[in-house]
Amino acid sequence: MTATDTPTAPPSPTPPRQGPAGRAAAFVRNTWRGLTSMRTALVLLFLLALAAIPGALLPQRSLNAGKVDEYIAARPTLGPLMDRLELFDVFGSFWFTAIYVLLFVSLIGCILPRCTEYYRALRTRPVPAPRNLSRLPHHLEATVDGTPEEVLARVRGQLRGWRIAERGDEPGARRGARDGELTLSAEKGYLREAGNLLFHLALVGLLAAVAVGKLFGYEGQRILVADGEEFCTSSPAAFDSFRAGNTLDGTGLTPMCIRVKDFSADYLDNGQAEMFTSNIDYQAGADLATNTWREAQLKVNHPLRVGSDRVYLQGHGFAPSFTVTWPDGETRTEKLQWRPDDATTFLSSGAMRFDPPGGMYPDADERRRNQIAIEGLFAPTAVFHGNLLSSGYPALTDPAVAIDIYKGDTGLDTGTPQSLFSLNGELINQGRLVKQDRVNLYAGESVTLADGTQIRFDGATDFVNLQVSHDPAQTWVLLSAVTMMAGLLVSLVIKRRRIWVRVYPAGTVADGERRTVVELGGLARTDQAGWGDEFERLTGRLLGDDTTARAKAAQEKKA
């Protein structure tokens, strides 16, 4: 090699290329880390709240399929597209379920490592005192009587409830420590992280309990006239509307029987409802075998609770009663709920269909031609403007109806579903139902048709709308919610803080007494609000108020 030659550095080794398996493993690992980060959990929680908005703004098929059909029919272009996106079944849609499951997985993957770290922190000694305590946000130095051991013993006695670790001349002590120097490290506020973890664990429990309730629970609504009418929850067919959980097929319902005795409503002078109350009898469990009825009272937001079932009083209305007397003296009386169209005055609309008594018309076609139908309005407190009926008050004080009376084929024998609150307009247009009269009737009044058939308005009775909800996880939902609030309160109130004490000899005075220099430093691990006042109170308790005041004055003068 000549003088001009320069040695060449060996080429740096190139990292080996990852194979497909390695790249796949790295992708899965990075995806898992991103999914289980707290930032992702917060984003998913926000998305879950955002995804629930359409469920509150749009009609849901599980609650009212009729309104969903009307909504889609009114929007022939946008409606079917929204239906394909499952916007009318938000809480059972694939995208809402995906967000829910991802949030569940993210929270679990985020919390478990934090629980492990918290367990390790509980088993770890408080960290040693920093070399320079004066750099901490809170610091105080004073000289007191006594040896370092005596002073440290007094300090330790004042720090009850703190996790304490003492260090002295053991191996690993601070480099450059003074002769006879002792330190004490104390920490407090570990419950803050415990409250934080408890909050998130309870949130996971809440999500799991809600999911269990949706899988194994059900809800059913039933309208009952408040004159002793009863029903039993033995089958979905017993309900007017029913929504079963994803794992239920309609069998295995919790047996319960309910009988509505009466209903009362309290109104203000302006007609605004103040309270609804219904007295009921019910049977559940062993009562069904012994035919024992128990009394209960339902109010708004005060349901009947039986095991995992709750019976809510959701609403009320009126069920007018009519009696039809045919020319041969045969009678039929029916009482049926009518739909409240005005929530303030309870002006209601509805329809009724009467089939002649058996044997009156041997021929089936003749019997269908002599069916009676009624359609119109009902007012609990009648107010007439000419012949137009309206209601002046929601209470049942002066009931009246304005009805159209039809005769002919009401469609009862066709098997075709019909509206409970209106007649089939096609039957009227086809002439199969012919209007006979239009009248206004008070309770007890009647009208006679041309063929001698008499229709009498008998009055009205309150009806109640009951909802039976079965949720086997409702207790766990409550416990999870309470635990969440407790954990949140602990994490907000408790502060994580540390304090260090360093003591070393200050020398010997003339009379032979020992003096010790005490250095104190404090640091809040979280928000420092309020920690300064607590540090001052703590130093006053450790050193005495007079010593602390002199040390603060000297420290301020030096500064």
Protein backbone atom coordinates (compact mmCIF):
# COMPACT_ATOMS: atom_id res chain seq x y z
CA MET A 1 0.00 0.00 0.00
CA THR A 2 1.38 3.39 -0.96
CA ALA A 3 1.19 6.54 1.12
CA THR A 4 -1.53 7.89 -1.09
CA ASP A 5 -3.78 4.89 -0.64
CA THR A 6 -6.58 5.28 1.87
CA PRO A 7 -8.18 2.28 3.52
CA THR A 8 -11.76 1.68 2.48
CA ALA A 9 -14.37 1.02 5.14
CA PRO A 10 -16.02 -2.35 4.97
CA PRO A 11 -19.50 -2.21 3.44
CA SER A 12 -22.27 -1.99 6.00
CA PRO A 13 -24.32 -5.14 6.17
CA THR A 14 -27.71 -4.84 4.51
CA PRO A 15 -30.64 -5.91 6.68
CA PRO A 16 -32.19 -9.16 5.58
CA ARG A 17 -35.36 -8.77 3.58
CA GLN A 18 -38.54 -9.78 5.34
CA GLY A 19 -40.48 -12.63 3.87
CA PRO A 20 -44.26 -12.65 3.34
CA ALA A 21 -44.83 -14.26 6.72
CA GLY A 22 -42.76 -11.59 8.48
CA ARG A 23 -44.55 -8.77 6.70
CA ALA A 24 -47.92 -10.29 7.56
CA ALA A 25 -46.90 -10.65 11.20
CA ALA A 26 -45.68 -7.05 11.29
CA PHE A 27 -48.95 -5.85 9.74
CA VAL A 28 -51.00 -7.75 12.31
CA ARG A 29 -48.80 -6.49 15.16
CA ASN A 30 -49.00 -2.86 14.06
CA THR A 31 -52.75 -3.10 13.47
CA TRP A 32 -53.26 -4.54 16.95
CA ARG A 33 -51.15 -1.82 18.53
CA GLY A 34 -53.12 0.86 16.73
CA LEU A 35 -56.47 -0.71 17.61
CA THR A 36 -55.62 -1.06 21.30
CA SER A 37 -54.38 2.48 21.78
CA MET A 38 -56.37 4.86 23.95
CA ARG A 39 -56.66 7.32 21.06
CA THR A 40 -58.40 4.67 18.93
CA ALA A 41 -60.74 3.78 21.79
CA LEU A 42 -61.77 7.44 22.14
CA VAL A 43 -62.34 7.74 18.38
CA LEU A 44 -64.48 4.59 18.36
CA LEU A 45 -66.47 5.84 21.35
CA PHE A 46 -67.15 9.10 19.48
CA LEU A 47 -68.13 7.14 16.35
CA LEU A 48 -70.53 4.99 18.38
CA ALA A 49 -72.27 8.11 19.71
CA LEU A 50 -72.35 9.56 16.20
CA ALA A 51 -73.75 6.34 14.73
CA ALA A 52 -76.59 6.35 17.26
CA ILE A 53 -77.93 9.70 15.98
CA PRO A 54 -79.86 8.22 12.99
CA GLY A 55 -81.54 5.81 15.42
CA ALA A 56 -82.94 8.79 17.32
CA LEU A 57 -83.91 10.90 14.32
CA LEU A 58 -85.32 8.26 11.94
CA PRO A 59 -88.20 5.83 12.58
CA GLN A 60 -86.94 2.36 13.49
CA ARG A 61 -88.52 -0.80 12.14
CA SER A 62 -88.25 -2.59 15.47
CA LEU A 63 -90.37 0.10 17.12
CA ASN A 64 -92.87 1.08 14.43
CA ALA A 65 -92.73 -0.72 11.10
CA GLY A 66 -95.72 1.26 9.81
CA LYS A 67 -93.95 4.60 10.17
CA VAL A 68 -90.91 3.17 8.38
CA ASP A 69 -93.07 2.08 5.44
CA GLU A 70 -94.71 5.52 5.31
CA TYR A 71 -91.29 7.21 5.43
CA ILE A 72 -89.98 5.07 2.54
CA ALA A 73 -93.17 5.53 0.49
CA ALA A 74 -92.91 9.34 0.84
CA ARG A 75 -89.31 9.22 -0.46
CA PRO A 76 -89.28 6.77 -3.37
CA THR A 77 -85.66 7.54 -4.33
CA LEU A 78 -83.89 8.17 -1.04
CA GLY A 79 -86.00 5.83 1.12
CA PRO A 80 -84.93 2.49 -0.44
CA LEU A 81 -81.28 3.58 -0.38
CA MET A 82 -81.54 4.43 3.32
CA ASP A 83 -83.20 1.06 3.89
CA ARG A 84 -80.32 -0.77 2.19
CA LEU A 85 -77.93 1.11 4.48
CA GLU A 86 -79.99 -0.17 7.44
CA LEU A 87 -80.74 3.32 8.69
CA PHE A 88 -84.16 2.11 9.84
CA ASP A 89 -82.57 -0.63 11.93
CA VAL A 90 -79.56 1.25 13.26
CA PHE A 91 -78.86 -0.69 16.43
CA GLY A 92 -79.01 -4.02 14.61
CA SER A 93 -77.08 -2.89 11.52
CA PHE A 94 -73.77 -4.39 10.48
CA TRP A 95 -71.91 -1.08 10.70
CA PHE A 96 -73.17 -0.23 14.20
CA THR A 97 -72.29 -3.75 15.35
CA ALA A 98 -68.82 -3.41 13.81
CA ILE A 99 -68.14 -0.17 15.71
CA TYR A 100 -69.49 -1.73 18.90
CA VAL A 101 -67.27 -4.82 18.60
CA LEU A 102 -64.17 -2.80 17.67
CA LEU A 103 -64.71 -0.51 20.66
CA PHE A 104 -65.10 -3.54 22.90
CA VAL A 105 -61.86 -5.12 21.62
CA SER A 106 -59.99 -1.81 21.75
CA LEU A 107 -60.94 -1.16 25.35
CA ILE A 108 -59.95 -4.65 26.47
CA GLY A 109 -56.63 -4.50 24.60
CA CYS A 110 -55.94 -1.07 26.08
CA ILE A 111 -56.92 -1.82 29.67
CA LEU A 112 -55.21 -5.18 30.26
CA PRO A 113 -51.63 -3.88 29.71
CA ARG A 114 -52.40 -0.90 31.94
CA CYS A 115 -53.63 -3.24 34.68
CA THR A 116 -50.35 -5.15 34.43
CA GLU A 117 -48.33 -1.95 34.63
CA TYR A 118 -50.35 -0.79 37.61
CA TYR A 119 -49.74 -4.07 39.42
CA ARG A 120 -46.00 -3.73 38.81
CA ALA A 121 -46.06 -0.13 40.04
CA LEU A 122 -47.70 -1.24 43.30
CA ARG A 123 -44.86 -3.70 43.89
CA THR A 124 -42.12 -1.20 43.03
CA ARG A 125 -40.45 0.92 45.70
CA PRO A 126 -40.85 4.69 45.39
CA VAL A 127 -38.09 6.20 43.26
CA PRO A 128 -34.95 7.59 44.95
CA ALA A 129 -34.67 11.28 45.75
CA PRO A 130 -33.34 13.44 42.89
CA ARG A 131 -29.81 14.81 43.28
CA ASN A 132 -30.96 18.44 43.35
CA LEU A 133 -34.27 18.84 45.19
CA SER A 134 -34.23 22.61 44.71
CA ARG A 135 -35.16 22.15 41.05
CA LEU A 136 -38.51 20.64 41.94
CA PRO A 137 -41.65 22.83 41.77
CA HIS A 138 -41.92 22.75 45.58
CA HIS A 139 -38.82 22.79 47.74
CA LEU A 140 -37.90 23.75 51.29
CA GLU A 141 -34.66 23.52 53.30
CA ALA A 142 -34.37 23.96 57.05
CA THR A 143 -32.08 23.08 59.97
CA VAL A 144 -33.60 21.36 62.97
CA ASP A 145 -32.41 19.82 66.24
CA GLY A 146 -31.61 16.13 66.44
CA THR A 147 -29.69 13.49 64.57
CA PRO A 148 -30.63 12.50 60.99
CA GLU A 149 -32.03 9.20 62.29
CA GLU A 150 -34.22 10.97 64.83
CA VAL A 151 -35.45 13.55 62.33
CA LEU A 152 -36.22 10.89 59.73
CA ALA A 153 -38.10 8.85 62.31
CA ARG A 154 -40.27 11.88 63.15
CA VAL A 155 -40.93 12.51 59.47
CA ARG A 156 -41.85 8.87 58.87
CA GLY A 157 -44.33 9.00 61.73
CA GLN A 158 -46.10 11.96 60.10
CA LEU A 159 -46.45 10.23 56.72
CA ARG A 160 -48.94 7.55 57.64
CA GLY A 161 -50.83 6.36 54.60
CA TRP A 162 -47.92 7.10 52.25
CA ARG A 163 -45.86 4.42 50.55
CA ILE A 164 -42.38 4.99 51.97
CA ALA A 165 -38.89 3.84 51.06
CA GLU A 166 -35.79 4.84 53.07
CA ARG A 167 -32.30 4.84 51.66
CA GLY A 168 -28.94 5.47 53.28
CA ASP A 169 -25.47 4.08 52.82
CA GLU A 170 -26.64 0.86 51.15
CA PRO A 171 -25.08 -0.14 47.80
CA GLY A 172 -26.33 2.00 44.94
CA ALA A 173 -26.66 5.15 47.03
CA ARG A 174 -26.40 8.50 45.32
CA ARG A 175 -22.89 9.35 44.11
CA GLY A 176 -21.39 12.22 46.04
CA ALA A 177 -23.75 11.77 49.00
CA ARG A 178 -22.65 13.44 52.24
CA ASP A 179 -21.51 11.40 55.19
CA GLY A 180 -24.47 10.29 57.26
CA GLU A 181 -26.95 11.34 54.60
CA LEU A 182 -30.32 9.59 54.67
CA THR A 183 -33.24 9.95 52.25
CA LEU A 184 -36.88 9.09 52.36
CA SER A 185 -39.14 8.74 49.31
CA ALA A 186 -42.91 8.79 49.77
CA GLU A 187 -45.71 8.48 47.25
CA LYS A 188 -49.47 8.83 47.55
CA GLY A 189 -52.44 8.80 45.19
CA TYR A 190 -52.15 5.34 43.66
CA LEU A 191 -55.93 5.10 43.81
CA ARG A 192 -56.14 7.66 41.02
CA GLU A 193 -54.93 5.14 38.46
CA ALA A 194 -57.08 2.47 40.12
CA GLY A 195 -60.13 4.69 39.66
CA ASN A 196 -59.18 5.28 36.03
CA LEU A 197 -58.85 1.55 35.40
CA LEU A 198 -62.06 0.86 37.30
CA PHE A 199 -63.90 3.36 35.11
CA HIS A 200 -62.72 1.71 31.90
CA LEU A 201 -63.32 -1.83 33.18
CA ALA A 202 -66.85 -0.81 34.20
CA LEU A 203 -67.34 0.70 30.74
CA VAL A 204 -66.42 -2.65 29.20
CA GLY A 205 -68.81 -4.33 31.63
CA LEU A 206 -71.56 -1.89 30.66
CA LEU A 207 -71.06 -2.58 26.95
CA ALA A 208 -71.07 -6.33 27.61
CA ALA A 209 -74.22 -6.11 29.75
CA VAL A 210 -76.04 -4.07 27.10
CA ALA A 211 -75.02 -6.63 24.45
CA VAL A 212 -76.26 -9.50 26.62
CA GLY A 213 -79.54 -7.67 27.17
CA LYS A 214 -80.01 -7.19 23.42
CA LEU A 215 -79.22 -10.85 22.74
CA PHE A 216 -81.41 -12.46 25.40
CA GLY A 217 -83.99 -9.73 26.13
CA TYR A 218 -87.27 -8.74 24.54
CA GLU A 219 -89.85 -5.94 24.59
CA GLY A 220 -93.56 -6.11 23.96
CA GLN A 221 -96.36 -3.55 23.98
CA ARG A 222 -100.00 -4.23 24.74
CA ILE A 223 -103.03 -1.95 25.00
CA LEU A 224 -105.52 -2.90 27.70
CA VAL A 225 -108.85 -1.28 28.52
CA ALA A 226 -108.83 -0.20 32.18
CA ASP A 227 -111.97 -2.10 33.17
CA GLY A 228 -110.45 -5.42 34.27
CA GLU A 229 -109.04 -6.55 30.92
CA GLU A 230 -106.05 -8.87 31.32
CA PHE A 231 -103.42 -10.66 29.29
CA CYS A 232 -100.56 -13.10 29.89
CA THR A 233 -97.05 -12.95 28.45
CA SER A 234 -97.06 -16.55 27.28
CA SER A 235 -96.48 -15.88 23.61
CA PRO A 236 -95.52 -13.00 21.28
CA ALA A 237 -99.04 -13.28 19.86
CA ALA A 238 -100.37 -11.89 23.15
CA PHE A 239 -98.69 -8.53 22.42
CA ASP A 240 -99.78 -5.84 20.00
CA SER A 241 -96.13 -5.38 19.01
CA PHE A 242 -93.15 -7.48 19.99
CA ARG A 243 -89.37 -7.25 19.52
CA ALA A 244 -87.28 -10.27 20.46
CA GLY A 245 -83.55 -10.43 21.08
CA ASN A 246 -81.26 -11.88 18.44
CA THR A 247 -81.07 -15.28 20.16
CA LEU A 248 -84.81 -15.62 20.91
CA ASP A 249 -87.34 -17.31 18.68
CA GLY A 250 -90.40 -16.15 20.63
CA THR A 251 -90.50 -19.13 22.97
CA GLY A 252 -89.37 -19.28 26.56
CA LEU A 253 -90.92 -15.96 27.58
CA THR A 254 -91.16 -15.26 31.29
CA PRO A 255 -94.79 -16.09 32.25
CA MET A 256 -96.71 -13.22 33.80
CA CYS A 257 -100.36 -12.17 33.83
CA ILE A 258 -101.52 -8.56 34.21
CA ARG A 259 -105.03 -7.22 34.86
CA VAL A 260 -105.69 -3.47 34.64
CA LYS A 261 -108.29 -2.35 37.18
CA ASP A 262 -108.41 1.40 36.60
CA PHE A 263 -106.58 4.45 35.33
CA SER A 264 -106.49 8.06 36.51
CA ALA A 265 -104.76 11.14 35.18
CA ASP A 266 -103.95 14.43 36.89
CA TYR A 267 -104.13 17.50 34.68
CA LEU A 268 -103.26 21.14 35.13
CA ASP A 269 -105.80 23.82 34.29
CA ASN A 270 -104.31 24.23 30.82
CA GLY A 271 -104.78 20.53 30.09
CA GLN A 272 -101.15 19.54 30.54
CA ALA A 273 -100.76 16.10 32.08
CA GLU A 274 -99.12 16.05 35.50
CA MET A 275 -99.19 12.34 36.42
CA PHE A 276 -100.67 9.08 35.14
CA THR A 277 -101.56 6.30 37.60
CA SER A 278 -102.92 2.82 36.99
CA ASN A 279 -103.81 0.19 39.58
CA ILE A 280 -103.20 -3.35 38.39
CA ASP A 281 -103.17 -6.95 39.60
CA TYR A 282 -100.46 -9.32 38.46
CA GLN A 283 -99.34 -12.92 38.72
CA ALA A 284 -95.77 -14.17 38.36
CA GLY A 285 -93.78 -17.24 39.32
CA ALA A 286 -95.52 -19.46 41.86
CA ASP A 287 -98.59 -17.18 41.81
CA LEU A 288 -99.59 -18.66 38.46
CA ALA A 289 -99.88 -22.14 39.94
CA THR A 290 -101.92 -20.97 42.94
CA ASN A 291 -103.92 -18.37 40.96
CA THR A 292 -102.86 -15.66 43.42
CA TRP A 293 -103.18 -12.05 42.31
CA ARG A 294 -100.98 -9.33 43.77
CA GLU A 295 -101.77 -5.63 43.71
CA ALA A 296 -99.43 -3.01 42.27
CA GLN A 297 -99.56 0.58 41.10
CA LEU A 298 -97.95 1.87 37.92
CA LYS A 299 -96.88 5.46 37.37
CA VAL A 300 -94.78 7.20 34.77
CA ASN A 301 -91.13 6.20 35.39
CA HIS A 302 -92.26 3.94 38.26
CA PRO A 303 -92.55 0.49 36.65
CA LEU A 304 -93.45 -2.83 38.20
CA ARG A 305 -90.27 -4.90 38.63
CA VAL A 306 -90.55 -8.68 38.78
CA GLY A 307 -87.20 -10.45 38.50
CA SER A 308 -85.68 -9.47 35.15
CA ASP A 309 -88.97 -8.04 33.87
CA ARG A 310 -90.28 -4.50 34.06
CA VAL A 311 -93.80 -3.34 33.25
CA TYR A 312 -93.98 0.32 32.21
CA LEU A 313 -97.01 2.58 31.90
CA GLN A 314 -96.22 4.28 28.60
CA GLY A 315 -99.39 6.08 27.65
CA HIS A 316 -103.16 6.11 27.65
CA GLY A 317 -106.19 7.01 25.62
CA PHE A 318 -109.91 6.24 25.35
CA ALA A 319 -111.88 3.27 24.13
CA PRO A 320 -115.41 4.28 23.00
CA SER A 321 -118.19 1.71 23.38
CA PHE A 322 -121.04 1.19 20.88
CA THR A 323 -124.05 -1.10 20.90
CA VAL A 324 -125.69 -2.15 17.63
CA THR A 325 -129.25 -3.44 17.77
CA TRP A 326 -130.48 -5.22 14.63
CA PRO A 327 -134.12 -5.06 13.52
CA ASP A 328 -134.88 -8.44 15.12
CA GLY A 329 -133.64 -7.23 18.52
CA GLU A 330 -130.26 -8.98 18.44
CA THR A 331 -127.49 -6.78 19.86
CA ARG A 332 -123.73 -6.57 19.69
CA THR A 333 -121.61 -4.35 21.97
CA GLU A 334 -117.96 -3.57 21.29
CA LYS A 335 -115.36 -1.47 23.07
CA LEU A 336 -112.16 -0.63 21.21
CA GLN A 337 -109.32 1.83 21.63
CA TRP A 338 -109.19 4.83 19.33
CA ARG A 339 -105.98 6.60 18.41
CA PRO A 340 -105.29 9.98 20.11
CA ASP A 341 -104.60 12.45 17.30
CA ASP A 342 -104.11 15.44 19.61
CA ALA A 343 -101.83 14.80 22.58
CA THR A 344 -103.17 17.88 24.38
CA THR A 345 -106.95 17.50 24.10
CA PHE A 346 -107.00 13.76 23.23
CA LEU A 347 -109.28 14.22 20.24
CA SER A 348 -109.12 10.66 18.89
CA SER A 349 -110.00 8.83 15.69
CA GLY A 350 -110.91 5.22 15.10
CA ALA A 351 -113.16 2.66 13.50
CA MET A 352 -115.29 -0.33 14.52
CA ARG A 353 -116.74 -3.28 12.62
CA PHE A 354 -119.79 -5.27 13.72
CA ASP A 355 -120.71 -8.72 12.41
CA PRO A 356 -124.38 -9.71 12.73
CA PRO A 357 -125.11 -12.41 15.33
CA GLY A 358 -124.88 -15.98 14.12
CA GLY A 359 -128.06 -17.43 12.64
CA MET A 360 -129.58 -14.07 11.75
CA TYR A 361 -128.58 -14.43 8.11
CA PRO A 362 -128.13 -18.07 7.04
CA ASP A 363 -126.62 -17.03 3.74
CA ALA A 364 -122.99 -15.90 4.08
CA ASP A 365 -123.26 -13.30 1.30
CA GLU A 366 -126.37 -11.79 2.89
CA ARG A 367 -124.62 -11.68 6.28
CA ARG A 368 -121.64 -9.81 4.77
CA ARG A 369 -123.98 -7.30 3.12
CA ASN A 370 -125.50 -6.46 6.53
CA GLN A 371 -122.31 -5.83 8.50
CA ILE A 372 -122.07 -2.44 10.25
CA ALA A 373 -119.00 -0.19 10.29
CA ILE A 374 -118.39 3.02 12.22
CA GLU A 375 -115.62 5.55 11.58
CA GLY A 376 -115.13 8.99 13.08
CA LEU A 377 -113.85 11.17 15.91
CA PHE A 378 -114.13 10.97 19.69
CA ALA A 379 -113.78 13.88 22.13
CA PRO A 380 -113.48 13.32 25.91
CA THR A 381 -114.74 16.87 26.52
CA ALA A 382 -116.89 17.77 23.53
CA VAL A 383 -116.87 21.21 21.98
CA PHE A 384 -118.98 21.71 18.86
CA HIS A 385 -118.39 24.46 16.29
CA GLY A 386 -121.59 24.05 14.37
CA ASN A 387 -121.52 20.38 13.43
CA LEU A 388 -117.74 20.11 13.74
CA LEU A 389 -116.53 18.25 16.82
CA SER A 390 -113.39 19.12 18.77
CA SER A 391 -112.17 18.52 22.30
CA GLY A 392 -111.63 21.21 24.88
CA TYR A 393 -109.95 19.20 27.64
CA PRO A 394 -108.22 15.81 27.89
CA ALA A 395 -110.24 14.51 30.85
CA LEU A 396 -113.37 12.40 30.33
CA THR A 397 -115.97 14.98 31.39
CA ASP A 398 -118.46 15.24 28.48
CA PRO A 399 -117.71 12.56 25.85
CA ALA A 400 -119.17 12.74 22.35
CA VAL A 401 -118.50 11.27 18.91
CA ALA A 402 -118.87 12.45 15.33
CA ILE A 403 -119.22 9.31 13.21
CA ASP A 404 -120.00 8.03 9.74
CA ILE A 405 -122.09 4.83 9.73
CA TYR A 406 -121.64 2.29 6.92
CA LYS A 407 -123.43 -0.90 6.00
CA GLY A 408 -122.11 -3.68 3.83
CA ASP A 409 -119.00 -5.83 3.57
CA THR A 410 -116.46 -4.59 6.16
CA GLY A 411 -113.79 -7.07 5.02
CA LEU A 412 -113.89 -9.11 8.22
CA ASP A 413 -114.08 -12.40 6.30
CA THR A 414 -111.39 -11.69 3.70
CA GLY A 415 -108.38 -12.44 5.91
CA THR A 416 -106.71 -9.28 4.60
CA PRO A 417 -104.98 -7.15 7.30
CA GLN A 418 -106.84 -3.91 7.98
CA SER A 419 -106.08 -0.81 9.96
CA LEU A 420 -107.37 -0.79 13.51
CA PHE A 421 -108.17 2.92 13.33
CA SER A 422 -109.69 3.40 9.85
CA LEU A 423 -111.85 1.58 7.33
CA ASN A 424 -110.61 0.22 4.05
CA GLY A 425 -111.13 3.00 1.51
CA GLU A 426 -111.20 0.54 -1.39
CA LEU A 427 -114.28 -1.16 0.02
CA ILE A 428 -116.02 2.23 0.12
CA ASN A 429 -114.88 3.15 -3.40
CA GLN A 430 -116.09 -0.21 -4.74
CA GLY A 431 -119.52 0.29 -3.18
CA ARG A 432 -119.19 -2.74 -0.92
CA LEU A 433 -119.51 -0.39 2.07
CA VAL A 434 -122.28 2.22 1.72
CA LYS A 435 -122.60 5.22 4.02
CA GLN A 436 -125.91 5.27 5.84
CA ASP A 437 -125.65 8.35 8.03
CA ARG A 438 -123.37 10.96 9.61
CA VAL A 439 -124.28 11.94 13.17
CA ASN A 440 -122.97 13.53 16.34
CA LEU A 441 -123.78 11.63 19.53
CA TYR A 442 -123.30 12.26 23.21
CA ALA A 443 -122.98 9.37 25.64
CA GLY A 444 -126.30 7.50 25.83
CA GLU A 445 -127.67 8.88 22.54
CA SER A 446 -128.50 6.67 19.58
CA VAL A 447 -129.47 6.81 15.91
CA THR A 448 -131.74 4.50 13.93
CA LEU A 449 -130.99 3.62 10.32
CA ALA A 450 -133.58 3.29 7.56
CA ASP A 451 -133.79 -0.51 7.96
CA GLY A 452 -134.43 -0.23 11.71
CA THR A 453 -130.87 -0.94 12.89
CA GLN A 454 -130.02 1.18 15.94
CA ILE A 455 -126.51 2.37 16.91
CA ARG A 456 -126.04 3.70 20.44
CA PHE A 457 -122.96 5.45 21.81
CA ASP A 458 -122.53 4.07 25.35
CA GLY A 459 -119.61 6.24 26.47
CA ALA A 460 -115.90 5.59 26.79
CA THR A 461 -113.36 3.96 29.10
CA ASP A 462 -109.67 4.70 29.57
CA PHE A 463 -107.14 2.37 28.07
CA VAL A 464 -103.45 2.07 28.98
CA ASN A 465 -100.44 1.20 26.87
CA LEU A 466 -98.15 -1.17 28.79
CA GLN A 467 -94.65 -2.20 27.83
CA VAL A 468 -93.16 -5.42 29.18
CA SER A 469 -89.35 -5.40 29.01
CA HIS A 470 -87.23 -8.44 29.83
CA ASP A 471 -83.53 -7.76 30.32
CA PRO A 472 -81.52 -10.42 32.18
CA ALA A 473 -78.52 -8.08 32.40
CA GLN A 474 -80.26 -5.00 33.82
CA THR A 475 -78.70 -5.50 37.28
CA TRP A 476 -75.23 -5.64 35.72
CA VAL A 477 -75.98 -2.50 33.71
CA LEU A 478 -76.85 -0.67 36.92
CA LEU A 479 -73.79 -1.98 38.78
CA SER A 480 -71.52 -1.09 35.85
CA ALA A 481 -72.95 2.43 35.63
CA VAL A 482 -72.53 3.02 39.38
CA THR A 483 -69.00 1.61 39.26
CA MET A 484 -68.16 3.88 36.33
CA MET A 485 -69.28 6.94 38.28
CA ALA A 486 -67.33 5.83 41.35
CA GLY A 487 -64.17 5.23 39.31
CA LEU A 488 -64.52 8.56 37.53
CA LEU A 489 -65.00 10.37 40.84
CA VAL A 490 -61.89 8.73 42.32
CA SER A 491 -59.78 9.54 39.27
CA LEU A 492 -60.86 13.20 39.35
CA VAL A 493 -60.58 13.83 43.09
CA ILE A 494 -57.38 11.97 44.01
CA LYS A 495 -54.02 13.39 42.91
CA ARG A 496 -50.85 11.39 42.44
CA ARG A 497 -47.99 13.12 44.29
CA ARG A 498 -44.49 12.44 45.57
CA ILE A 499 -42.37 13.89 48.33
CA TRP A 500 -38.69 13.37 49.09
CA VAL A 501 -36.85 14.12 52.31
CA ARG A 502 -33.06 14.31 52.56
CA VAL A 503 -31.40 14.70 55.96
CA TYR A 504 -27.70 15.01 56.82
CA PRO A 505 -25.70 16.34 59.76
CA ALA A 506 -25.26 20.09 60.03
CA GLY A 507 -22.45 19.97 62.65
CA THR A 508 -22.17 20.18 66.44
CA VAL A 509 -23.03 23.28 68.44
CA ALA A 510 -21.20 24.45 71.56
CA ASP A 511 -23.39 22.63 74.04
CA GLY A 512 -22.94 19.34 72.17
CA GLU A 513 -26.41 19.13 70.61
CA ARG A 514 -26.64 17.73 67.10
CA ARG A 515 -28.23 19.69 64.29
CA THR A 516 -29.62 18.24 61.03
CA VAL A 517 -30.27 19.83 57.65
CA VAL A 518 -33.61 18.78 56.17
CA GLU A 519 -34.39 19.18 52.47
CA LEU A 520 -37.91 18.56 51.26
CA GLY A 521 -39.08 18.40 47.65
CA GLY A 522 -42.55 17.77 46.29
CA LEU A 523 -43.87 16.89 42.86
CA ALA A 524 -47.41 16.26 41.66
CA ARG A 525 -47.56 13.47 39.09
CA THR A 526 -50.77 14.85 37.61
CA ASP A 527 -52.51 18.20 37.86
CA GLN A 528 -50.67 20.48 40.27
CA ALA A 529 -53.77 22.43 41.26
CA GLY A 530 -53.96 22.44 45.05
CA TRP A 531 -50.68 20.58 45.55
CA GLY A 532 -48.80 23.71 46.62
CA ASP A 533 -51.15 24.31 49.57
CA GLU A 534 -50.98 20.66 50.53
CA PHE A 535 -47.16 20.74 50.38
CA GLU A 536 -47.09 23.73 52.72
CA ARG A 537 -49.43 22.04 55.17
CA LEU A 538 -47.32 18.89 54.99
CA THR A 539 -44.03 20.69 55.64
CA GLY A 540 -45.63 22.51 58.56
CA ARG A 541 -46.66 19.19 60.03
CA LEU A 542 -43.25 17.60 59.42
CA LEU A 543 -41.01 20.44 60.62
CA GLY A 544 -43.31 22.62 62.70
CA ASP A 545 -44.94 25.87 61.66
CA ASP A 546 -42.23 28.13 63.14
CA THR A 547 -39.36 26.25 61.49
CA THR A 548 -41.23 26.19 58.18
CA ALA A 549 -41.92 29.94 58.33
CA ARG A 550 -38.24 30.75 59.07
CA ALA A 551 -37.09 28.44 56.27
CA LYS A 552 -39.48 30.03 53.79
CA ALA A 553 -38.34 33.51 54.76
CA ALA A 554 -34.69 32.55 54.36
CA GLN A 555 -35.43 30.90 51.03
CA GLU A 556 -37.27 33.98 49.73
CA LYS A 557 -34.48 36.25 50.92
CA LYS A 558 -31.90 34.10 49.20
CA ALA A 559 -33.94 34.11 46.01
